[in-house]
Amino acid sequence: LIMERLRMNSDIKHQWQDALALMSLAGNI
């Protein structure tokens, strides 16, 4: 299940670091 969920991020993984940065904002954590 973990691997299946990770594969769902395959097409957007090059965008994911930017998403994590936005998620790191105090109000979003």
PDB file of all heavy atoms in Angstrom:
ATOM      1  N   LEU A   1       0.822  -1.208   0.000  1.00  0.00           N
ATOM      2  CA  LEU A   1       0.000   0.000   0.000  1.00  0.00           C
ATOM      3  C   LEU A   1       0.856   1.258   0.000  1.00  0.00           C
ATOM      4  O   LEU A   1       0.542   2.234  -0.696  1.00  0.00           O
ATOM      5  CB  LEU A   1      -0.931  -0.010   1.209  1.00  0.00           C
ATOM      6  CG  LEU A   1      -2.071  -1.037   1.146  1.00  0.00           C
ATOM      7  CD1 LEU A   1      -2.664  -1.270   2.529  1.00  0.00           C
ATOM      8  CD2 LEU A   1      -3.153  -0.579   0.169  1.00  0.00           C
ATOM      9  N   ILE A   2       1.932   1.269   0.780  1.00  0.00           N
ATOM     10  CA  ILE A   2       2.832   2.414   0.786  1.00  0.00           C
ATOM     11  C   ILE A   2       3.413   2.640  -0.601  1.00  0.00           C
ATOM     12  O   ILE A   2       3.441   3.768  -1.112  1.00  0.00           O
ATOM     13  CB  ILE A   2       3.957   2.241   1.825  1.00  0.00           C
ATOM     14  CG1 ILE A   2       3.391   2.377   3.241  1.00  0.00           C
ATOM     15  CG2 ILE A   2       5.070   3.268   1.609  1.00  0.00           C
ATOM     16  CD1 ILE A   2       4.395   2.090   4.343  1.00  0.00           C
ATOM     17  N   MET A   3       3.874   1.563  -1.247  1.00  0.00           N
ATOM     18  CA  MET A   3       4.464   1.704  -2.581  1.00  0.00           C
ATOM     19  C   MET A   3       3.424   2.145  -3.610  1.00  0.00           C
ATOM     20  O   MET A   3       3.720   2.960  -4.491  1.00  0.00           O
ATOM     21  CB  MET A   3       5.110   0.389  -3.018  1.00  0.00           C
ATOM     22  CG  MET A   3       6.425   0.072  -2.327  1.00  0.00           C
ATOM     23  SD  MET A   3       7.641   1.433  -2.422  1.00  0.00           S
ATOM     24  CE  MET A   3       7.767   1.685  -4.196  1.00  0.00           C
ATOM     25  N   GLU A   4       2.200   1.640  -3.493  1.00  0.00           N
ATOM     26  CA  GLU A   4       1.154   2.058  -4.423  1.00  0.00           C
ATOM     27  C   GLU A   4       0.868   3.547  -4.278  1.00  0.00           C
ATOM     28  O   GLU A   4       0.726   4.262  -5.273  1.00  0.00           O
ATOM     29  CB  GLU A   4      -0.119   1.253  -4.177  1.00  0.00           C
ATOM     30  CG  GLU A   4      -1.273   1.568  -5.126  1.00  0.00           C
ATOM     31  CD  GLU A   4      -0.989   1.158  -6.568  1.00  0.00           C
ATOM     32  OE1 GLU A   4      -0.076   0.326  -6.793  1.00  0.00           O
ATOM     33  OE2 GLU A   4      -1.677   1.669  -7.473  1.00  0.00           O
ATOM     34  N   ARG A   5       0.824   4.006  -3.025  1.00  0.00           N
ATOM     35  CA  ARG A   5       0.586   5.443  -2.805  1.00  0.00           C
ATOM     36  C   ARG A   5       1.758   6.269  -3.317  1.00  0.00           C
ATOM     37  O   ARG A   5       1.556   7.345  -3.905  1.00  0.00           O
ATOM     38  CB  ARG A   5       0.345   5.686  -1.302  1.00  0.00           C
ATOM     39  CG  ARG A   5       0.222   7.155  -0.931  1.00  0.00           C
ATOM     40  CD  ARG A   5      -0.934   7.834  -1.667  1.00  0.00           C
ATOM     41  NE  ARG A   5      -0.921   9.269  -1.416  1.00  0.00           N
ATOM     42  CZ  ARG A   5      -0.216  10.149  -2.127  1.00  0.00           C
ATOM     43  NH1 ARG A   5       0.533   9.750  -3.149  1.00  0.00           N
ATOM     44  NH2 ARG A   5      -0.263  11.432  -1.832  1.00  0.00           N
ATOM     45  N   LEU A   6       2.981   5.808  -3.113  1.00  0.00           N
ATOM     46  CA  LEU A   6       4.144   6.541  -3.602  1.00  0.00           C
ATOM     47  C   LEU A   6       4.133   6.634  -5.124  1.00  0.00           C
ATOM     48  O   LEU A   6       4.497   7.662  -5.704  1.00  0.00           O
ATOM     49  CB  LEU A   6       5.433   5.879  -3.120  1.00  0.00           C
ATOM     50  CG  LEU A   6       5.749   6.018  -1.625  1.00  0.00           C
ATOM     51  CD1 LEU A   6       6.931   5.134  -1.248  1.00  0.00           C
ATOM     52  CD2 LEU A   6       6.033   7.467  -1.257  1.00  0.00           C
ATOM     53  N   ARG A   7       3.731   5.561  -5.788  1.00  0.00           N
ATOM     54  CA  ARG A   7       3.690   5.581  -7.263  1.00  0.00           C
ATOM     55  C   ARG A   7       2.694   6.613  -7.777  1.00  0.00           C
ATOM     56  O   ARG A   7       2.827   7.101  -8.900  1.00  0.00           O
ATOM     57  CB  ARG A   7       3.357   4.189  -7.799  1.00  0.00           C
ATOM     58  CG  ARG A   7       4.481   3.167  -7.595  1.00  0.00           C
ATOM     59  CD  ARG A   7       4.192   1.852  -8.300  1.00  0.00           C
ATOM     60  NE  ARG A   7       5.239   0.871  -8.011  1.00  0.00           N
ATOM     61  CZ  ARG A   7       5.150  -0.067  -7.077  1.00  0.00           C
ATOM     62  NH1 ARG A   7       4.026  -0.171  -6.346  1.00  0.00           N
ATOM     63  NH2 ARG A   7       6.146  -0.901  -6.870  1.00  0.00           N
ATOM     64  N   MET A   8       1.694   6.927  -6.973  1.00  0.00           N
ATOM     65  CA  MET A   8       0.747   7.962  -7.376  1.00  0.00           C
ATOM     66  C   MET A   8       1.409   9.337  -7.440  1.00  0.00           C
ATOM     67  O   MET A   8       0.852  10.266  -8.022  1.00  0.00           O
ATOM     68  CB  MET A   8      -0.440   8.005  -6.401  1.00  0.00           C
ATOM     69  CG  MET A   8      -1.310   6.775  -6.420  1.00  0.00           C
ATOM     70  SD  MET A   8      -2.638   6.900  -5.184  1.00  0.00           S
ATOM     71  CE  MET A   8      -3.316   5.235  -5.250  1.00  0.00           C
ATOM     72  N   ASN A   9       2.580   9.474  -6.820  1.00  0.00           N
ATOM     73  CA  ASN A   9       3.323  10.733  -6.864  1.00  0.00           C
ATOM     74  C   ASN A   9       4.365  10.758  -7.976  1.00  0.00           C
ATOM     75  O   ASN A   9       5.080  11.759  -8.103  1.00  0.00           O
ATOM     76  CB  ASN A   9       4.025  10.979  -5.525  1.00  0.00           C
ATOM     77  CG  ASN A   9       3.124  11.639  -4.492  1.00  0.00           C
ATOM     78  OD1 ASN A   9       1.929  11.795  -4.713  1.00  0.00           O
ATOM     79  ND2 ASN A   9       3.691  12.008  -3.362  1.00  0.00           N
ATOM     80  N   SER A  10       4.454   9.692  -8.751  1.00  0.00           N
ATOM     81  CA  SER A  10       5.514   9.606  -9.758  1.00  0.00           C
ATOM     82  C   SER A  10       5.476  10.764 -10.741  1.00  0.00           C
ATOM     83  O   SER A  10       6.515  11.343 -11.076  1.00  0.00           O
ATOM     84  CB  SER A  10       5.408   8.271 -10.515  1.00  0.00           C
ATOM     85  OG  SER A  10       5.669   7.182  -9.666  1.00  0.00           O
ATOM     86  N   ASP A  11       4.287  11.136 -11.200  1.00  0.00           N
ATOM     87  CA  ASP A  11       4.173  12.181 -12.219  1.00  0.00           C
ATOM     88  C   ASP A  11       4.422  13.581 -11.670  1.00  0.00           C
ATOM     89  O   ASP A  11       4.679  14.512 -12.452  1.00  0.00           O
ATOM     90  CB  ASP A  11       2.782  12.144 -12.870  1.00  0.00           C
ATOM     91  CG  ASP A  11       2.580  10.910 -13.733  1.00  0.00           C
ATOM     92  OD1 ASP A  11       3.596  10.272 -14.089  1.00  0.00           O
ATOM     93  OD2 ASP A  11       1.425  10.581 -14.036  1.00  0.00           O
ATOM     94  N   ILE A  12       4.358  13.728 -10.360  1.00  0.00           N
ATOM     95  CA  ILE A  12       4.520  15.072  -9.784  1.00  0.00           C
ATOM     96  C   ILE A  12       5.716  15.145  -8.830  1.00  0.00           C
ATOM     97  O   ILE A  12       5.880  16.143  -8.129  1.00  0.00           O
ATOM     98  CB  ILE A  12       3.230  15.530  -9.069  1.00  0.00           C
ATOM     99  CG1 ILE A  12       2.799  14.544  -7.977  1.00  0.00           C
ATOM    100  CG2 ILE A  12       2.101  15.715 -10.058  1.00  0.00           C
ATOM    101  CD1 ILE A  12       3.289  14.858  -6.598  1.00  0.00           C
ATOM    102  N   LYS A  13       6.552  14.105  -8.810  1.00  0.00           N
ATOM    103  CA  LYS A  13       7.626  14.085  -7.810  1.00  0.00           C
ATOM    104  C   LYS A  13       8.626  15.216  -8.012  1.00  0.00           C
ATOM    105  O   LYS A  13       9.234  15.684  -7.046  1.00  0.00           O
ATOM    106  CB  LYS A  13       8.326  12.726  -7.780  1.00  0.00           C
ATOM    107  CG  LYS A  13       9.178  12.386  -8.976  1.00  0.00           C
ATOM    108  CD  LYS A  13       9.885  11.057  -8.729  1.00  0.00           C
ATOM    109  CE  LYS A  13      10.863  10.753  -9.846  1.00  0.00           C
ATOM    110  NZ  LYS A  13      11.652   9.542  -9.564  1.00  0.00           N
ATOM    111  N   HIS A  14       8.783  15.685  -9.251  1.00  0.00           N
ATOM    112  CA  HIS A  14       9.683  16.813  -9.496  1.00  0.00           C
ATOM    113  C   HIS A  14       9.096  18.127  -8.977  1.00  0.00           C
ATOM    114  O   HIS A  14       9.801  19.137  -8.898  1.00  0.00           O
ATOM    115  CB  HIS A  14       9.972  16.938 -10.994  1.00  0.00           C
ATOM    116  CG  HIS A  14       8.756  17.092 -11.843  1.00  0.00           C
ATOM    117  ND1 HIS A  14       7.834  16.088 -12.006  1.00  0.00           N
ATOM    118  CD2 HIS A  14       8.303  18.144 -12.581  1.00  0.00           C
ATOM    119  CE1 HIS A  14       6.857  16.511 -12.795  1.00  0.00           C
ATOM    120  NE2 HIS A  14       7.115  17.747 -13.149  1.00  0.00           N
ATOM    121  N   GLN A  15       7.818  18.114  -8.608  1.00  0.00           N
ATOM    122  CA  GLN A  15       7.164  19.303  -8.035  1.00  0.00           C
ATOM    123  C   GLN A  15       7.005  19.188  -6.518  1.00  0.00           C
ATOM    124  O   GLN A  15       6.588  20.156  -5.877  1.00  0.00           O
ATOM    125  CB  GLN A  15       5.763  19.476  -8.655  1.00  0.00           C
ATOM    126  CG  GLN A  15       5.716  19.486 -10.167  1.00  0.00           C
ATOM    127  CD  GLN A  15       6.215  20.791 -10.772  1.00  0.00           C
ATOM    128  OE1 GLN A  15       6.705  21.673 -10.061  1.00  0.00           O
ATOM    129  NE2 GLN A  15       6.108  20.921 -12.077  1.00  0.00           N
ATOM    130  N   TRP A  16       7.345  18.022  -5.975  1.00  0.00           N
ATOM    131  CA  TRP A  16       6.962  17.743  -4.599  1.00  0.00           C
ATOM    132  C   TRP A  16       7.800  18.501  -3.575  1.00  0.00           C
ATOM    133  O   TRP A  16       7.300  18.865  -2.514  1.00  0.00           O
ATOM    134  CB  TRP A  16       7.019  16.246  -4.335  1.00  0.00           C
ATOM    135  CG  TRP A  16       6.303  15.839  -3.084  1.00  0.00           C
ATOM    136  CD1 TRP A  16       6.804  15.152  -2.021  1.00  0.00           C
ATOM    137  CD2 TRP A  16       4.926  16.100  -2.760  1.00  0.00           C
ATOM    138  NE1 TRP A  16       5.842  14.972  -1.066  1.00  0.00           N
ATOM    139  CE2 TRP A  16       4.675  15.540  -1.497  1.00  0.00           C
ATOM    140  CE3 TRP A  16       3.875  16.756  -3.435  1.00  0.00           C
ATOM    141  CZ2 TRP A  16       3.429  15.623  -0.881  1.00  0.00           C
ATOM    142  CZ3 TRP A  16       2.647  16.839  -2.825  1.00  0.00           C
ATOM    143  CH2 TRP A  16       2.422  16.271  -1.553  1.00  0.00           C
ATOM    144  N   GLN A  17       9.068  18.760  -3.856  1.00  0.00           N
ATOM    145  CA  GLN A  17       9.874  19.515  -2.901  1.00  0.00           C
ATOM    146  C   GLN A  17       9.294  20.914  -2.681  1.00  0.00           C
ATOM    147  O   GLN A  17       9.278  21.424  -1.553  1.00  0.00           O
ATOM    148  CB  GLN A  17      11.330  19.612  -3.382  1.00  0.00           C
ATOM    149  CG  GLN A  17      12.113  18.307  -3.305  1.00  0.00           C
ATOM    150  CD  GLN A  17      12.435  17.886  -1.876  1.00  0.00           C
ATOM    151  OE1 GLN A  17      12.213  18.634  -0.933  1.00  0.00           O
ATOM    152  NE2 GLN A  17      12.958  16.690  -1.714  1.00  0.00           N
ATOM    153  N   ASP A  18       8.817  21.537  -3.749  1.00  0.00           N
ATOM    154  CA  ASP A  18       8.188  22.855  -3.606  1.00  0.00           C
ATOM    155  C   ASP A  18       6.905  22.761  -2.786  1.00  0.00           C
ATOM    156  O   ASP A  18       6.590  23.655  -1.990  1.00  0.00           O
ATOM    157  CB  ASP A  18       7.876  23.450  -4.978  1.00  0.00           C
ATOM    158  CG  ASP A  18       9.132  23.871  -5.731  1.00  0.00           C
ATOM    159  OD1 ASP A  18      10.176  24.064  -5.079  1.00  0.00           O
ATOM    160  OD2 ASP A  18       9.066  23.986  -6.971  1.00  0.00           O
ATOM    161  N   ALA A  19       6.163  21.652  -2.972  1.00  0.00           N
ATOM    162  CA  ALA A  19       4.941  21.453  -2.198  1.00  0.00           C
ATOM    163  C   ALA A  19       5.268  21.302  -0.715  1.00  0.00           C
ATOM    164  O   ALA A  19       4.592  21.879   0.147  1.00  0.00           O
ATOM    165  CB  ALA A  19       4.184  20.234  -2.711  1.00  0.00           C
ATOM    166  N   LEU A  20       6.317  20.545  -0.403  1.00  0.00           N
ATOM    167  CA  LEU A  20       6.720  20.354   0.986  1.00  0.00           C
ATOM    168  C   LEU A  20       7.133  21.684   1.625  1.00  0.00           C
ATOM    169  O   LEU A  20       6.870  21.926   2.804  1.00  0.00           O
ATOM    170  CB  LEU A  20       7.860  19.345   1.081  1.00  0.00           C
ATOM    171  CG  LEU A  20       7.486  17.886   0.800  1.00  0.00           C
ATOM    172  CD1 LEU A  20       8.739  17.014   0.743  1.00  0.00           C
ATOM    173  CD2 LEU A  20       6.522  17.351   1.855  1.00  0.00           C
ATOM    174  N   ALA A  21       7.776  22.535   0.843  1.00  0.00           N
ATOM    175  CA  ALA A  21       8.167  23.847   1.365  1.00  0.00           C
ATOM    176  C   ALA A  21       6.934  24.663   1.752  1.00  0.00           C
ATOM    177  O   ALA A  21       6.916  25.338   2.786  1.00  0.00           O
ATOM    178  CB  ALA A  21       8.996  24.594   0.324  1.00  0.00           C
ATOM    179  N   LEU A  22       5.891  24.597   0.933  1.00  0.00           N
ATOM    180  CA  LEU A  22       4.655  25.319   1.246  1.00  0.00           C
ATOM    181  C   LEU A  22       3.966  24.708   2.459  1.00  0.00           C
ATOM    182  O   LEU A  22       3.419  25.420   3.312  1.00  0.00           O
ATOM    183  CB  LEU A  22       3.719  25.286   0.036  1.00  0.00           C
ATOM    184  CG  LEU A  22       2.409  26.068   0.147  1.00  0.00           C
ATOM    185  CD1 LEU A  22       2.667  27.529   0.481  1.00  0.00           C
ATOM    186  CD2 LEU A  22       1.616  25.954  -1.153  1.00  0.00           C
ATOM    187  N   MET A  23       4.011  23.388   2.560  1.00  0.00           N
ATOM    188  CA  MET A  23       3.412  22.708   3.701  1.00  0.00           C
ATOM    189  C   MET A  23       4.145  23.036   4.998  1.00  0.00           C
ATOM    190  O   MET A  23       3.599  22.876   6.088  1.00  0.00           O
ATOM    191  CB  MET A  23       3.403  21.195   3.456  1.00  0.00           C
ATOM    192  CG  MET A  23       2.462  20.779   2.331  1.00  0.00           C
ATOM    193  SD  MET A  23       2.857  19.141   1.637  1.00  0.00           S
ATOM    194  CE  MET A  23       2.531  18.073   3.026  1.00  0.00           C
ATOM    195  N   SER A  24       5.411  23.491   4.891  1.00  0.00           N
ATOM    196  CA  SER A  24       6.222  23.805   6.060  1.00  0.00           C
ATOM    197  C   SER A  24       5.874  25.136   6.699  1.00  0.00           C
ATOM    198  O   SER A  24       6.350  25.428   7.802  1.00  0.00           O
ATOM    199  CB  SER A  24       7.709  23.822   5.678  1.00  0.00           C
ATOM    200  OG  SER A  24       8.150  22.539   5.308  1.00  0.00           O
ATOM    201  N   LEU A  25       5.086  25.958   6.025  1.00  0.00           N
ATOM    202  CA  LEU A  25       4.691  27.227   6.627  1.00  0.00           C
ATOM    203  C   LEU A  25       3.908  26.962   7.907  1.00  0.00           C
ATOM    204  O   LEU A  25       3.089  26.039   7.970  1.00  0.00           O
ATOM    205  CB  LEU A  25       3.851  28.041   5.645  1.00  0.00           C
ATOM    206  CG  LEU A  25       4.572  28.466   4.352  1.00  0.00           C
ATOM    207  CD1 LEU A  25       3.619  29.237   3.448  1.00  0.00           C
ATOM    208  CD2 LEU A  25       5.818  29.285   4.657  1.00  0.00           C
ATOM    209  N   ALA A  26       4.159  27.774   8.920  1.00  0.00           N
ATOM    210  CA  ALA A  26       3.633  27.492  10.259  1.00  0.00           C
ATOM    211  C   ALA A  26       2.131  27.211  10.267  1.00  0.00           C
ATOM    212  O   ALA A  26       1.668  26.269  10.912  1.00  0.00           O
ATOM    213  CB  ALA A  26       3.960  28.665  11.191  1.00  0.00           C
ATOM    214  N   GLY A  27       1.367  28.008   9.544  1.00  0.00           N
ATOM    215  CA  GLY A  27      -0.077  27.827   9.550  1.00  0.00           C
ATOM    216  C   GLY A  27      -0.547  26.586   8.810  1.00  0.00           C
ATOM    217  O   GLY A  27      -1.693  26.152   8.996  1.00  0.00           O
ATOM    218  N   ASN A  28       0.330  25.996   7.987  1.00  0.00           N
ATOM    219  CA  ASN A  28      -0.058  24.835   7.180  1.00  0.00           C
ATOM    220  C   ASN A  28       0.347  23.510   7.810  1.00  0.00           C
ATOM    221  O   ASN A  28      -0.141  22.449   7.385  1.00  0.00           O
ATOM    222  CB  ASN A  28       0.576  24.934   5.791  1.00  0.00           C
ATOM    223  CG  ASN A  28       0.064  26.116   4.999  1.00  0.00           C
ATOM    224  OD1 ASN A  28      -0.988  26.678   5.322  1.00  0.00           O
ATOM    225  ND2 ASN A  28       0.790  26.514   3.974  1.00  0.00           N
ATOM    226  N   ILE A  29       1.238  23.541   8.792  1.00  0.00           N
ATOM    227  CA  ILE A  29       1.775  22.303   9.352  1.00  0.00           C
ATOM    228  C   ILE A  29       0.696  21.415   9.984  1.00  0.00           C
ATOM    229  O   ILE A  29       0.686  20.205   9.735  1.00  0.00           O
ATOM    230  CB  ILE A  29       2.902  22.615  10.355  1.00  0.00           C
ATOM    231  CG1 ILE A  29       4.133  23.122   9.598  1.00  0.00           C
ATOM    232  CG2 ILE A  29       3.265  21.382  11.178  1.00  0.00           C
ATOM    233  CD1 ILE A  29       5.250  23.617  10.492  1.00  0.00           C
TER     234      ILE A  29
END
